[in-house]
Amino acid sequence: MTQTVAVLGTGKIGEALLSGMIRAGWRPSRLLVTTRREDRARELHTRYGVESVTSAEAAKNADVLILAVKPQDMGKLLDELAPHVTADRLVISAAAGITTAFIEDRLTSGTPVVRVMPNTPVLVDEGMSVISAGSHATGEHLATAEEIFGGVGKTLRVPESQQDAATALSGSGPAYFYFLVEAMTDAGILLGLPRAQAHDLIVQAAIGAAVMLRDSGEHPVKLREAVTSPAGTTISAIRELENHGVRAALIAALEAARDRSRELASGNG
């Protein structure tokens, strides 16, 4: 944690990374941020003790640059950084659909680039960040990215060719669970429960199921079978889910998300 890290773009994901690094032991004096507004800069300084700088200053003074801007803003940011980024800097992109090649082509030849796809649970330190190396990134560069993003959840290394699939499963994944909780809450209301009670029942069931999946080491089929007694309520519900093609719909949905990620990565967004 002796390197200086600059977070360029301090929206929800950028701030989550910033706060996670500080909780993990990074000194605020080793962290820089860029903001669009002066009041935001003051807010982050008050909250975390970090200094706000320009993009050019970040490129000159930081060892690691984390690009946490929206994908549509990446081209402009790279134009600002290009004259100042030398090949001894590590550039980490957290922008969906932006390839390492896109970034490498706009920076000094040989600049190491690492691509990371975090998801929104980084806001509560339960994120999943999928990490891929660009053509000049080494194992040491990947380890640095893991150290940073490991402060806000888990990390997983994959080849960049798998990033679109990982985006479909992990990057967009929380939305699918929110969608299911919304539908199950509506079902609970239809069955006669007040909305607040239906919500609490489903959320706790989701948390409990997730912890069991994480900690038991059991295959999800075995955990489901443990709840599914012969001629019982659960198997009746499972039959209806299968009759309505829920499994096939989920597979098709994730394929659509993967395809859309590929479109964004190719610039056809």
C-alpha atoms as a PDB file:
ATOM      1  CA  MET A   1       0.000   0.000   0.000  1.00  0.00           C
ATOM      2  CA  THR A   2       2.924   2.295  -0.689  1.00  0.00           C
ATOM      3  CA  GLN A   3       1.674   3.257  -4.136  1.00  0.00           C
ATOM      4  CA  THR A   4      -0.337   6.387  -4.865  1.00  0.00           C
ATOM      5  CA  VAL A   5      -3.731   5.613  -6.369  1.00  0.00           C
ATOM      6  CA  ALA A   6      -5.978   8.056  -8.209  1.00  0.00           C
ATOM      7  CA  VAL A   7      -9.694   7.387  -8.632  1.00  0.00           C
ATOM      8  CA  LEU A   8     -10.872   9.228 -11.732  1.00  0.00           C
ATOM      9  CA  GLY A   9     -14.627   9.515 -11.460  1.00  0.00           C
ATOM     10  CA  THR A  10     -16.124   9.497  -7.991  1.00  0.00           C
ATOM     11  CA  GLY A  11     -19.698   8.383  -8.526  1.00  0.00           C
ATOM     12  CA  LYS A  12     -21.103   5.516  -6.481  1.00  0.00           C
ATOM     13  CA  ILE A  13     -18.600   2.908  -7.658  1.00  0.00           C
ATOM     14  CA  GLY A  14     -15.624   5.270  -7.443  1.00  0.00           C
ATOM     15  CA  GLU A  15     -16.506   6.398  -3.932  1.00  0.00           C
ATOM     16  CA  ALA A  16     -17.150   2.807  -2.847  1.00  0.00           C
ATOM     17  CA  LEU A  17     -13.632   1.884  -3.979  1.00  0.00           C
ATOM     18  CA  LEU A  18     -12.208   4.919  -2.214  1.00  0.00           C
ATOM     19  CA  SER A  19     -13.892   4.118   1.101  1.00  0.00           C
ATOM     20  CA  GLY A  20     -13.015   0.424   0.757  1.00  0.00           C
ATOM     21  CA  MET A  21      -9.343   1.191   0.243  1.00  0.00           C
ATOM     22  CA  ILE A  22      -9.271   3.402   3.322  1.00  0.00           C
ATOM     23  CA  ARG A  23     -10.950   0.700   5.432  1.00  0.00           C
ATOM     24  CA  ALA A  24      -8.390  -1.775   4.077  1.00  0.00           C
ATOM     25  CA  GLY A  25      -5.542   0.412   5.333  1.00  0.00           C
ATOM     26  CA  TRP A  26      -4.648   2.777   2.506  1.00  0.00           C
ATOM     27  CA  ARG A  27      -3.569   6.163   3.830  1.00  0.00           C
ATOM     28  CA  PRO A  28      -5.639   9.108   2.524  1.00  0.00           C
ATOM     29  CA  SER A  29      -2.389  10.849   1.642  1.00  0.00           C
ATOM     30  CA  ARG A  30      -1.805   8.067  -0.907  1.00  0.00           C
ATOM     31  CA  LEU A  31      -5.199   8.547  -2.553  1.00  0.00           C
ATOM     32  CA  LEU A  32      -6.212  11.148  -5.126  1.00  0.00           C
ATOM     33  CA  VAL A  33      -9.604  11.795  -6.712  1.00  0.00           C
ATOM     34  CA  THR A  34     -10.990  13.741  -9.629  1.00  0.00           C
ATOM     35  CA  THR A  35     -14.388  15.417  -9.513  1.00  0.00           C
ATOM     36  CA  ARG A  36     -16.487  17.568 -11.793  1.00  0.00           C
ATOM     37  CA  ARG A  37     -17.660  19.940  -9.070  1.00  0.00           C
ATOM     38  CA  GLU A  38     -15.845  21.855  -6.357  1.00  0.00           C
ATOM     39  CA  ASP A  39     -18.517  21.035  -3.771  1.00  0.00           C
ATOM     40  CA  ARG A  40     -18.033  17.322  -4.463  1.00  0.00           C
ATOM     41  CA  ALA A  41     -14.288  17.727  -3.963  1.00  0.00           C
ATOM     42  CA  ARG A  42     -14.875  19.397  -0.602  1.00  0.00           C
ATOM     43  CA  GLU A  43     -17.322  16.665   0.391  1.00  0.00           C
ATOM     44  CA  LEU A  44     -14.822  13.885  -0.353  1.00  0.00           C
ATOM     45  CA  HIS A  45     -12.037  15.745   1.455  1.00  0.00           C
ATOM     46  CA  THR A  46     -14.218  16.184   4.536  1.00  0.00           C
ATOM     47  CA  ARG A  47     -15.384  12.567   4.479  1.00  0.00           C
ATOM     48  CA  TYR A  48     -12.115  10.799   3.612  1.00  0.00           C
ATOM     49  CA  GLY A  49      -9.309  13.331   3.841  1.00  0.00           C
ATOM     50  CA  VAL A  50      -8.332  12.883   0.182  1.00  0.00           C
ATOM     51  CA  GLU A  51      -7.076  15.509  -2.240  1.00  0.00           C
ATOM     52  CA  SER A  52      -8.938  16.386  -5.426  1.00  0.00           C
ATOM     53  CA  VAL A  53      -6.779  16.939  -8.521  1.00  0.00           C
ATOM     54  CA  THR A  54      -7.157  17.357 -12.270  1.00  0.00           C
ATOM     55  CA  SER A  55      -6.880  14.387 -14.605  1.00  0.00           C
ATOM     56  CA  ALA A  56      -3.459  15.593 -15.766  1.00  0.00           C
ATOM     57  CA  GLU A  57      -2.220  15.926 -12.168  1.00  0.00           C
ATOM     58  CA  ALA A  58      -3.516  12.444 -11.376  1.00  0.00           C
ATOM     59  CA  ALA A  59      -1.642  10.986 -14.343  1.00  0.00           C
ATOM     60  CA  LYS A  60       1.580  12.718 -13.318  1.00  0.00           C
ATOM     61  CA  ASN A  61       1.480  11.885  -9.602  1.00  0.00           C
ATOM     62  CA  ALA A  62      -0.280   8.521  -9.200  1.00  0.00           C
ATOM     63  CA  ASP A  63       1.222   5.082  -9.723  1.00  0.00           C
ATOM     64  CA  VAL A  64      -2.217   3.556 -10.345  1.00  0.00           C
ATOM     65  CA  LEU A  65      -5.063   5.222 -12.220  1.00  0.00           C
ATOM     66  CA  ILE A  66      -8.559   3.793 -11.701  1.00  0.00           C
ATOM     67  CA  LEU A  67     -10.879   4.935 -14.487  1.00  0.00           C
ATOM     68  CA  ALA A  68     -14.334   4.822 -12.909  1.00  0.00           C
ATOM     69  CA  VAL A  69     -16.188   7.058 -15.363  1.00  0.00           C
ATOM     70  CA  LYS A  70     -19.212   6.125 -17.466  1.00  0.00           C
ATOM     71  CA  PRO A  71     -18.359   4.261 -20.688  1.00  0.00           C
ATOM     72  CA  GLN A  72     -19.509   7.166 -22.854  1.00  0.00           C
ATOM     73  CA  ASP A  73     -17.059   9.471 -21.047  1.00  0.00           C
ATOM     74  CA  MET A  74     -14.024   7.200 -21.448  1.00  0.00           C
ATOM     75  CA  GLY A  75     -12.842   8.576 -24.795  1.00  0.00           C
ATOM     76  CA  LYS A  76     -12.722  12.148 -23.516  1.00  0.00           C
ATOM     77  CA  LEU A  77     -10.943  11.095 -20.321  1.00  0.00           C
ATOM     78  CA  LEU A  78      -8.305   9.168 -22.253  1.00  0.00           C
ATOM     79  CA  ASP A  79      -7.700  12.199 -24.454  1.00  0.00           C
ATOM     80  CA  GLU A  80      -6.987  14.201 -21.290  1.00  0.00           C
ATOM     81  CA  LEU A  81      -4.725  11.532 -19.842  1.00  0.00           C
ATOM     82  CA  ALA A  82      -2.779  10.496 -22.940  1.00  0.00           C
ATOM     83  CA  PRO A  83      -0.150  13.282 -22.933  1.00  0.00           C
ATOM     84  CA  HIS A  84       0.689  12.600 -19.282  1.00  0.00           C
ATOM     85  CA  VAL A  85       0.505   8.820 -18.773  1.00  0.00           C
ATOM     86  CA  THR A  86       3.852   7.058 -18.988  1.00  0.00           C
ATOM     87  CA  ALA A  87       4.312   3.319 -19.483  1.00  0.00           C
ATOM     88  CA  ASP A  88       5.272   2.786 -15.834  1.00  0.00           C
ATOM     89  CA  ARG A  89       1.732   3.630 -14.704  1.00  0.00           C
ATOM     90  CA  LEU A  90      -0.931   0.984 -14.118  1.00  0.00           C
ATOM     91  CA  VAL A  91      -4.321   1.863 -15.611  1.00  0.00           C
ATOM     92  CA  ILE A  92      -7.368   0.027 -14.244  1.00  0.00           C
ATOM     93  CA  SER A  93     -10.673   0.449 -16.050  1.00  0.00           C
ATOM     94  CA  ALA A  94     -13.960  -0.131 -14.226  1.00  0.00           C
ATOM     95  CA  ALA A  95     -16.126   0.989 -17.159  1.00  0.00           C
ATOM     96  CA  ALA A  96     -18.522  -1.576 -18.593  1.00  0.00           C
ATOM     97  CA  GLY A  97     -17.869  -2.686 -22.164  1.00  0.00           C
ATOM     98  CA  ILE A  98     -14.551  -0.846 -22.578  1.00  0.00           C
ATOM     99  CA  THR A  99     -11.829  -3.213 -23.749  1.00  0.00           C
ATOM    100  CA  THR A 100      -8.200  -3.037 -22.705  1.00  0.00           C
ATOM    101  CA  ALA A 101      -7.276  -2.633 -26.390  1.00  0.00           C
ATOM    102  CA  PHE A 102      -9.444   0.502 -26.625  1.00  0.00           C
ATOM    103  CA  ILE A 103      -7.480   2.037 -23.756  1.00  0.00           C
ATOM    104  CA  GLU A 104      -4.055   0.761 -24.827  1.00  0.00           C
ATOM    105  CA  ASP A 105      -4.487   2.256 -28.308  1.00  0.00           C
ATOM    106  CA  ARG A 106      -4.977   5.722 -26.796  1.00  0.00           C
ATOM    107  CA  LEU A 107      -2.119   5.695 -24.292  1.00  0.00           C
ATOM    108  CA  THR A 108       1.658   5.394 -24.429  1.00  0.00           C
ATOM    109  CA  SER A 109       2.754   2.135 -26.030  1.00  0.00           C
ATOM    110  CA  GLY A 110       3.389  -0.545 -23.408  1.00  0.00           C
ATOM    111  CA  THR A 111       1.130   0.941 -20.731  1.00  0.00           C
ATOM    112  CA  PRO A 112      -0.276  -1.903 -18.598  1.00  0.00           C
ATOM    113  CA  VAL A 113      -4.067  -1.940 -18.505  1.00  0.00           C
ATOM    114  CA  VAL A 114      -6.323  -4.100 -16.334  1.00  0.00           C
ATOM    115  CA  ARG A 115     -10.056  -4.369 -16.964  1.00  0.00           C
ATOM    116  CA  VAL A 116     -12.380  -4.835 -13.995  1.00  0.00           C
ATOM    117  CA  MET A 117     -16.144  -5.410 -13.994  1.00  0.00           C
ATOM    118  CA  PRO A 118     -17.447  -4.729 -10.473  1.00  0.00           C
ATOM    119  CA  ASN A 119     -21.104  -4.923  -9.491  1.00  0.00           C
ATOM    120  CA  THR A 120     -23.129  -2.616  -7.281  1.00  0.00           C
ATOM    121  CA  PRO A 121     -22.821  -4.653  -4.036  1.00  0.00           C
ATOM    122  CA  VAL A 122     -19.323  -3.123  -3.771  1.00  0.00           C
ATOM    123  CA  LEU A 123     -21.320  -0.362  -2.064  1.00  0.00           C
ATOM    124  CA  VAL A 124     -21.839  -2.716   0.915  1.00  0.00           C
ATOM    125  CA  ASP A 125     -18.472  -4.526   0.656  1.00  0.00           C
ATOM    126  CA  GLU A 126     -20.100  -7.605  -0.900  1.00  0.00           C
ATOM    127  CA  GLY A 127     -19.170  -6.963  -4.504  1.00  0.00           C
ATOM    128  CA  MET A 128     -17.884  -9.336  -7.148  1.00  0.00           C
ATOM    129  CA  SER A 129     -15.166  -7.832  -9.320  1.00  0.00           C
ATOM    130  CA  VAL A 130     -14.040  -9.736 -12.417  1.00  0.00           C
ATOM    131  CA  ILE A 131     -10.465  -8.908 -13.428  1.00  0.00           C
ATOM    132  CA  SER A 132      -8.719  -9.336 -16.787  1.00  0.00           C
ATOM    133  CA  ALA A 133      -5.243  -8.433 -17.969  1.00  0.00           C
ATOM    134  CA  GLY A 134      -4.518  -6.364 -21.033  1.00  0.00           C
ATOM    135  CA  SER A 135      -1.642  -7.228 -23.362  1.00  0.00           C
ATOM    136  CA  HIS A 136       1.005  -5.497 -21.202  1.00  0.00           C
ATOM    137  CA  ALA A 137      -0.313  -6.297 -17.715  1.00  0.00           C
ATOM    138  CA  THR A 138       1.610  -8.756 -15.539  1.00  0.00           C
ATOM    139  CA  GLY A 139       0.641 -10.913 -12.593  1.00  0.00           C
ATOM    140  CA  GLU A 140       1.882  -8.145 -10.321  1.00  0.00           C
ATOM    141  CA  HIS A 141      -0.502  -5.677 -11.958  1.00  0.00           C
ATOM    142  CA  LEU A 142      -3.397  -8.104 -11.502  1.00  0.00           C
ATOM    143  CA  ALA A 143      -2.434  -8.540  -7.847  1.00  0.00           C
ATOM    144  CA  THR A 144      -2.584  -4.774  -7.376  1.00  0.00           C
ATOM    145  CA  ALA A 145      -6.077  -4.694  -8.857  1.00  0.00           C
ATOM    146  CA  GLU A 146      -7.100  -7.562  -6.572  1.00  0.00           C
ATOM    147  CA  GLU A 147      -5.751  -5.734  -3.540  1.00  0.00           C
ATOM    148  CA  ILE A 148      -7.791  -2.647  -4.393  1.00  0.00           C
ATOM    149  CA  PHE A 149     -11.067  -4.322  -5.347  1.00  0.00           C
ATOM    150  CA  GLY A 150     -10.712  -6.985  -2.663  1.00  0.00           C
ATOM    151  CA  GLY A 151     -11.482  -4.259  -0.133  1.00  0.00           C
ATOM    152  CA  VAL A 152     -15.086  -4.134  -1.341  1.00  0.00           C
ATOM    153  CA  GLY A 153     -15.820  -7.823  -1.902  1.00  0.00           C
ATOM    154  CA  LYS A 154     -14.421 -10.775  -3.820  1.00  0.00           C
ATOM    155  CA  THR A 155     -12.383 -10.833  -7.023  1.00  0.00           C
ATOM    156  CA  LEU A 156     -12.008 -13.357  -9.821  1.00  0.00           C
ATOM    157  CA  ARG A 157      -9.476 -13.432 -12.649  1.00  0.00           C
ATOM    158  CA  VAL A 158     -10.776 -14.386 -16.093  1.00  0.00           C
ATOM    159  CA  PRO A 159      -9.438 -14.025 -19.653  1.00  0.00           C
ATOM    160  CA  GLU A 160     -10.791 -10.860 -21.231  1.00  0.00           C
ATOM    161  CA  SER A 161     -12.651 -13.008 -23.766  1.00  0.00           C
ATOM    162  CA  GLN A 162     -14.910 -14.055 -20.854  1.00  0.00           C
ATOM    163  CA  GLN A 163     -15.671 -10.525 -19.650  1.00  0.00           C
ATOM    164  CA  ASP A 164     -18.934 -10.246 -21.601  1.00  0.00           C
ATOM    165  CA  ALA A 165     -20.204 -13.477 -20.053  1.00  0.00           C
ATOM    166  CA  ALA A 166     -19.084 -12.321 -16.600  1.00  0.00           C
ATOM    167  CA  THR A 167     -20.866  -9.013 -17.132  1.00  0.00           C
ATOM    168  CA  ALA A 168     -24.075 -10.902 -17.925  1.00  0.00           C
ATOM    169  CA  LEU A 169     -23.830 -13.063 -14.799  1.00  0.00           C
ATOM    170  CA  SER A 170     -22.141 -10.853 -12.233  1.00  0.00           C
ATOM    171  CA  GLY A 171     -22.261  -7.248 -13.419  1.00  0.00           C
ATOM    172  CA  SER A 172     -25.980  -7.387 -14.179  1.00  0.00           C
ATOM    173  CA  GLY A 173     -26.653 -10.224 -11.732  1.00  0.00           C
ATOM    174  CA  PRO A 174     -27.963  -8.194  -8.782  1.00  0.00           C
ATOM    175  CA  ALA A 175     -30.732  -6.775 -10.987  1.00  0.00           C
ATOM    176  CA  TYR A 176     -32.076 -10.254 -11.667  1.00  0.00           C
ATOM    177  CA  PHE A 177     -32.385 -10.956  -7.952  1.00  0.00           C
ATOM    178  CA  TYR A 178     -34.100  -7.616  -7.343  1.00  0.00           C
ATOM    179  CA  PHE A 179     -36.511  -8.512 -10.144  1.00  0.00           C
ATOM    180  CA  LEU A 180     -37.279 -11.878  -8.498  1.00  0.00           C
ATOM    181  CA  VAL A 181     -37.754 -10.276  -5.085  1.00  0.00           C
ATOM    182  CA  GLU A 182     -40.126  -7.728  -6.639  1.00  0.00           C
ATOM    183  CA  ALA A 183     -42.159 -10.505  -8.280  1.00  0.00           C
ATOM    184  CA  MET A 184     -42.214 -12.631  -5.126  1.00  0.00           C
ATOM    185  CA  THR A 185     -43.304  -9.636  -3.065  1.00  0.00           C
ATOM    186  CA  ASP A 186     -46.215  -9.102  -5.438  1.00  0.00           C
ATOM    187  CA  ALA A 187     -47.049 -12.791  -5.075  1.00  0.00           C
ATOM    188  CA  GLY A 188     -47.013 -12.446  -1.294  1.00  0.00           C
ATOM    189  CA  ILE A 189     -49.482  -9.558  -1.518  1.00  0.00           C
ATOM    190  CA  LEU A 190     -51.699 -11.647  -3.803  1.00  0.00           C
ATOM    191  CA  LEU A 191     -51.611 -14.397  -1.184  1.00  0.00           C
ATOM    192  CA  GLY A 192     -52.828 -11.964   1.470  1.00  0.00           C
ATOM    193  CA  LEU A 193     -49.704 -10.678   3.187  1.00  0.00           C
ATOM    194  CA  PRO A 194     -49.008  -6.969   3.785  1.00  0.00           C
ATOM    195  CA  ARG A 195     -46.282  -5.646   1.496  1.00  0.00           C
ATOM    196  CA  ALA A 196     -43.800  -4.953   4.311  1.00  0.00           C
ATOM    197  CA  GLN A 197     -44.156  -8.456   5.729  1.00  0.00           C
ATOM    198  CA  ALA A 198     -43.874 -10.080   2.295  1.00  0.00           C
ATOM    199  CA  HIS A 199     -40.731  -8.042   1.623  1.00  0.00           C
ATOM    200  CA  ASP A 200     -39.104  -8.970   4.948  1.00  0.00           C
ATOM    201  CA  LEU A 201     -39.884 -12.662   4.508  1.00  0.00           C
ATOM    202  CA  ILE A 202     -38.403 -12.782   1.009  1.00  0.00           C
ATOM    203  CA  VAL A 203     -35.309 -10.695   1.752  1.00  0.00           C
ATOM    204  CA  GLN A 204     -34.378 -12.839   4.744  1.00  0.00           C
ATOM    205  CA  ALA A 205     -35.007 -16.007   2.725  1.00  0.00           C
ATOM    206  CA  ALA A 206     -32.684 -14.627   0.042  1.00  0.00           C
ATOM    207  CA  ILE A 207     -29.965 -13.738   2.552  1.00  0.00           C
ATOM    208  CA  GLY A 208     -30.209 -17.122   4.256  1.00  0.00           C
ATOM    209  CA  ALA A 209     -30.114 -18.991   0.949  1.00  0.00           C
ATOM    210  CA  ALA A 210     -27.109 -16.983  -0.236  1.00  0.00           C
ATOM    211  CA  VAL A 211     -25.159 -17.671   2.960  1.00  0.00           C
ATOM    212  CA  MET A 212     -25.949 -21.388   2.712  1.00  0.00           C
ATOM    213  CA  LEU A 213     -24.791 -21.432  -0.915  1.00  0.00           C
ATOM    214  CA  ARG A 214     -21.576 -19.663   0.049  1.00  0.00           C
ATOM    215  CA  ASP A 215     -20.745 -21.512   3.253  1.00  0.00           C
ATOM    216  CA  SER A 216     -22.120 -25.031   2.887  1.00  0.00           C
ATOM    217  CA  GLY A 217     -20.145 -26.051  -0.176  1.00  0.00           C
ATOM    218  CA  GLU A 218     -23.213 -27.943  -1.389  1.00  0.00           C
ATOM    219  CA  HIS A 219     -24.445 -27.915  -4.986  1.00  0.00           C
ATOM    220  CA  PRO A 220     -27.593 -25.776  -5.342  1.00  0.00           C
ATOM    221  CA  VAL A 221     -29.524 -28.853  -6.494  1.00  0.00           C
ATOM    222  CA  LYS A 222     -28.832 -30.584  -3.165  1.00  0.00           C
ATOM    223  CA  LEU A 223     -29.867 -27.500  -1.199  1.00  0.00           C
ATOM    224  CA  ARG A 224     -33.079 -27.232  -3.223  1.00  0.00           C
ATOM    225  CA  GLU A 225     -33.839 -30.924  -2.763  1.00  0.00           C
ATOM    226  CA  ALA A 226     -33.460 -30.495   0.999  1.00  0.00           C
ATOM    227  CA  VAL A 227     -36.424 -28.089   0.907  1.00  0.00           C
ATOM    228  CA  THR A 228     -38.444 -30.164  -1.556  1.00  0.00           C
ATOM    229  CA  SER A 229     -40.411 -32.897   0.212  1.00  0.00           C
ATOM    230  CA  PRO A 230     -42.540 -35.429  -1.724  1.00  0.00           C
ATOM    231  CA  ALA A 231     -45.946 -34.061  -2.748  1.00  0.00           C
ATOM    232  CA  GLY A 232     -45.219 -30.893  -0.773  1.00  0.00           C
ATOM    233  CA  THR A 233     -45.610 -27.187  -1.331  1.00  0.00           C
ATOM    234  CA  THR A 234     -42.147 -26.580  -2.785  1.00  0.00           C
ATOM    235  CA  ILE A 235     -42.353 -29.197  -5.521  1.00  0.00           C
ATOM    236  CA  SER A 236     -45.725 -27.791  -6.552  1.00  0.00           C
ATOM    237  CA  ALA A 237     -44.123 -24.386  -6.960  1.00  0.00           C
ATOM    238  CA  ILE A 238     -41.091 -25.800  -8.806  1.00  0.00           C
ATOM    239  CA  ARG A 239     -43.414 -27.590 -11.239  1.00  0.00           C
ATOM    240  CA  GLU A 240     -45.111 -24.287 -12.090  1.00  0.00           C
ATOM    241  CA  LEU A 241     -41.756 -22.569 -12.592  1.00  0.00           C
ATOM    242  CA  GLU A 242     -40.723 -25.314 -15.006  1.00  0.00           C
ATOM    243  CA  ASN A 243     -44.115 -25.235 -16.765  1.00  0.00           C
ATOM    244  CA  HIS A 244     -43.688 -21.508 -17.383  1.00  0.00           C
ATOM    245  CA  GLY A 245     -40.161 -21.929 -18.722  1.00  0.00           C
ATOM    246  CA  VAL A 246     -38.420 -19.883 -16.030  1.00  0.00           C
ATOM    247  CA  ARG A 247     -35.117 -21.756 -16.419  1.00  0.00           C
ATOM    248  CA  ALA A 248     -35.109 -21.258 -20.200  1.00  0.00           C
ATOM    249  CA  ALA A 249     -36.070 -17.604 -19.768  1.00  0.00           C
ATOM    250  CA  LEU A 250     -33.131 -17.006 -17.430  1.00  0.00           C
ATOM    251  CA  ILE A 251     -30.706 -18.606 -19.876  1.00  0.00           C
ATOM    252  CA  ALA A 252     -32.091 -16.497 -22.729  1.00  0.00           C
ATOM    253  CA  ALA A 253     -31.898 -13.358 -20.572  1.00  0.00           C
ATOM    254  CA  LEU A 254     -28.245 -13.898 -19.748  1.00  0.00           C
ATOM    255  CA  GLU A 255     -27.444 -14.583 -23.397  1.00  0.00           C
ATOM    256  CA  ALA A 256     -29.102 -11.277 -24.283  1.00  0.00           C
ATOM    257  CA  ALA A 257     -27.052  -9.465 -21.640  1.00  0.00           C
ATOM    258  CA  ARG A 258     -23.844 -11.051 -22.943  1.00  0.00           C
ATOM    259  CA  ASP A 259     -24.695 -10.065 -26.520  1.00  0.00           C
ATOM    260  CA  ARG A 260     -25.417  -6.497 -25.466  1.00  0.00           C
ATOM    261  CA  SER A 261     -22.084  -6.333 -23.657  1.00  0.00           C
ATOM    262  CA  ARG A 262     -20.382  -7.432 -26.870  1.00  0.00           C
ATOM    263  CA  GLU A 263     -22.186  -4.710 -28.802  1.00  0.00           C
ATOM    264  CA  LEU A 264     -21.047  -2.071 -26.328  1.00  0.00           C
ATOM    265  CA  ALA A 265     -17.482  -3.357 -26.451  1.00  0.00           C
ATOM    266  CA  SER A 266     -17.445  -3.180 -30.254  1.00  0.00           C
ATOM    267  CA  GLY A 267     -18.687   0.402 -30.226  1.00  0.00           C
ATOM    268  CA  ASN A 268     -22.142  -0.395 -31.601  1.00  0.00           C
ATOM    269  CA  GLY A 269     -23.960   0.930 -28.556  1.00  0.00           C
END
